[in-house]
Amino acid sequence: MQKKKLPLRDLITAKRLNEMRIAYNKPQMTRPEAYQKLAVVRDYIETLKLFKL
């Protein structure tokens, strides 16, 4: 899976999160990996909110 550089505003949108969730649920990835990656994204967004970026 190739990562694209996106503006923070795009990254934070619910639509983008949903796309990421779908991508992480693809069969070649195990469930724990998917949950781990989603957790990282959530932590990242919580951090952004904290610093109001």
N, C-alpha and C. Protein backbone atom coordinates (compact mmCIF):
# COMPACT_ATOMS: atom_id res chain seq x y z
N MET A 1 0.84 -1.19 0.00
CA MET A 1 0.00 0.00 0.00
C MET A 1 0.88 1.25 0.00
N GLN A 2 0.63 2.13 -0.93
CA GLN A 2 1.44 3.33 -1.03
C GLN A 2 0.81 4.47 -0.25
N LYS A 3 1.64 5.17 0.49
CA LYS A 3 1.12 6.29 1.29
C LYS A 3 1.25 7.58 0.50
N LYS A 4 0.18 8.37 0.51
CA LYS A 4 0.20 9.67 -0.15
C LYS A 4 0.34 10.75 0.91
N LYS A 5 1.08 11.79 0.55
CA LYS A 5 1.16 12.95 1.45
C LYS A 5 -0.11 13.78 1.26
N LEU A 6 -0.84 13.96 2.35
CA LEU A 6 -2.09 14.71 2.29
C LEU A 6 -2.06 15.89 3.25
N PRO A 7 -2.78 16.96 2.90
CA PRO A 7 -2.91 18.07 3.85
C PRO A 7 -3.58 17.57 5.13
N LEU A 8 -3.22 18.15 6.25
CA LEU A 8 -3.77 17.71 7.53
C LEU A 8 -5.30 17.76 7.54
N ARG A 9 -5.84 18.78 6.89
CA ARG A 9 -7.30 18.93 6.86
C ARG A 9 -7.95 17.71 6.23
N ASP A 10 -7.37 17.22 5.13
CA ASP A 10 -7.90 16.03 4.47
C ASP A 10 -7.77 14.81 5.37
N LEU A 11 -6.61 14.72 6.03
CA LEU A 11 -6.34 13.56 6.89
C LEU A 11 -7.37 13.44 8.01
N ILE A 12 -7.80 14.59 8.52
CA ILE A 12 -8.68 14.59 9.70
C ILE A 12 -10.14 14.29 9.34
N THR A 13 -10.51 14.43 8.07
CA THR A 13 -11.92 14.24 7.72
C THR A 13 -12.38 12.81 7.96
N ALA A 14 -13.63 12.68 8.31
CA ALA A 14 -14.21 11.36 8.57
C ALA A 14 -14.14 10.48 7.32
N LYS A 15 -14.32 11.09 6.17
CA LYS A 15 -14.28 10.34 4.91
C LYS A 15 -12.93 9.66 4.75
N ARG A 16 -11.87 10.42 5.00
CA ARG A 16 -10.52 9.88 4.87
C ARG A 16 -10.30 8.75 5.87
N LEU A 17 -10.75 8.93 7.10
CA LEU A 17 -10.60 7.88 8.11
C LEU A 17 -11.31 6.61 7.67
N ASN A 18 -12.49 6.79 7.09
CA ASN A 18 -13.24 5.64 6.61
C ASN A 18 -12.49 4.92 5.49
N GLU A 19 -11.89 5.69 4.57
CA GLU A 19 -11.09 5.09 3.50
C GLU A 19 -9.92 4.31 4.08
N MET A 20 -9.28 4.88 5.09
CA MET A 20 -8.14 4.22 5.73
C MET A 20 -8.59 2.92 6.40
N ARG A 21 -9.74 2.99 7.08
CA ARG A 21 -10.25 1.81 7.76
C ARG A 21 -10.50 0.68 6.75
N ILE A 22 -11.09 1.03 5.62
CA ILE A 22 -11.36 0.04 4.58
C ILE A 22 -10.05 -0.53 4.04
N ALA A 23 -9.08 0.35 3.79
CA ALA A 23 -7.78 -0.10 3.28
C ALA A 23 -7.10 -1.04 4.26
N TYR A 24 -7.18 -0.72 5.55
CA TYR A 24 -6.51 -1.55 6.56
C TYR A 24 -7.23 -2.88 6.77
N ASN A 25 -8.48 -2.98 6.34
CA ASN A 25 -9.22 -4.23 6.51
C ASN A 25 -9.06 -5.17 5.33
N LYS A 26 -8.18 -4.82 4.38
CA LYS A 26 -7.94 -5.70 3.23
C LYS A 26 -7.38 -7.04 3.70
N PRO A 27 -7.72 -8.11 3.02
CA PRO A 27 -7.40 -9.47 3.45
C PRO A 27 -5.93 -9.73 3.74
N GLN A 28 -5.01 -9.09 2.99
CA GLN A 28 -3.59 -9.40 3.18
C GLN A 28 -3.06 -8.90 4.52
N MET A 29 -3.84 -8.09 5.21
CA MET A 29 -3.39 -7.58 6.50
C MET A 29 -4.14 -8.29 7.63
N THR A 30 -3.39 -8.70 8.65
CA THR A 30 -4.04 -9.38 9.77
C THR A 30 -4.81 -8.37 10.61
N ARG A 31 -5.79 -8.84 11.33
CA ARG A 31 -6.61 -7.95 12.15
C ARG A 31 -5.80 -7.14 13.16
N PRO A 32 -4.91 -7.78 13.93
CA PRO A 32 -4.13 -6.99 14.90
C PRO A 32 -3.36 -5.86 14.24
N GLU A 33 -2.80 -6.11 13.06
CA GLU A 33 -2.07 -5.06 12.35
C GLU A 33 -3.00 -3.90 12.01
N ALA A 34 -4.18 -4.25 11.54
CA ALA A 34 -5.16 -3.22 11.15
C ALA A 34 -5.54 -2.37 12.36
N TYR A 35 -5.84 -3.03 13.47
CA TYR A 35 -6.21 -2.29 14.68
C TYR A 35 -5.06 -1.41 15.16
N GLN A 36 -3.84 -1.94 15.07
CA GLN A 36 -2.67 -1.19 15.50
C GLN A 36 -2.52 0.08 14.67
N LYS A 37 -2.65 -0.05 13.35
CA LYS A 37 -2.51 1.11 12.48
C LYS A 37 -3.61 2.14 12.73
N LEU A 38 -4.83 1.65 12.94
CA LEU A 38 -5.92 2.58 13.24
C LEU A 38 -5.67 3.31 14.56
N ALA A 39 -5.14 2.60 15.54
CA ALA A 39 -4.84 3.21 16.83
C ALA A 39 -3.81 4.32 16.65
N VAL A 40 -2.81 4.08 15.81
CA VAL A 40 -1.79 5.10 15.55
C VAL A 40 -2.43 6.34 14.94
N VAL A 41 -3.32 6.13 13.97
CA VAL A 41 -3.99 7.26 13.33
C VAL A 41 -4.82 8.04 14.34
N ARG A 42 -5.56 7.31 15.19
CA ARG A 42 -6.39 7.98 16.21
C ARG A 42 -5.53 8.79 17.17
N ASP A 43 -4.42 8.20 17.61
CA ASP A 43 -3.51 8.91 18.52
C ASP A 43 -3.00 10.18 17.85
N TYR A 44 -2.66 10.08 16.57
CA TYR A 44 -2.13 11.21 15.82
C TYR A 44 -3.16 12.34 15.77
N ILE A 45 -4.40 11.98 15.50
CA ILE A 45 -5.45 13.00 15.41
C ILE A 45 -5.75 13.61 16.77
N GLU A 46 -5.75 12.79 17.81
CA GLU A 46 -5.95 13.32 19.17
C GLU A 46 -4.84 14.31 19.51
N THR A 47 -3.62 13.99 19.10
CA THR A 47 -2.48 14.88 19.34
C THR A 47 -2.69 16.21 18.61
N LEU A 48 -3.13 16.12 17.36
CA LEU A 48 -3.39 17.35 16.59
C LEU A 48 -4.43 18.21 17.28
N LYS A 49 -5.51 17.59 17.76
CA LYS A 49 -6.56 18.33 18.46
C LYS A 49 -5.99 19.00 19.70
N LEU A 50 -5.14 18.26 20.40
CA LEU A 50 -4.54 18.75 21.63
C LEU A 50 -3.76 20.04 21.36
N PHE A 51 -2.98 20.04 20.28
CA PHE A 51 -2.15 21.19 19.96
C PHE A 51 -2.86 22.17 19.03
N LYS A 52 -4.15 21.87 18.70
CA LYS A 52 -4.97 22.74 17.85
C LYS A 52 -4.28 23.08 16.53
N LEU A 53 -3.73 22.05 15.88
CA LEU A 53 -3.06 22.27 14.59
C LEU A 53 -4.06 22.25 13.45
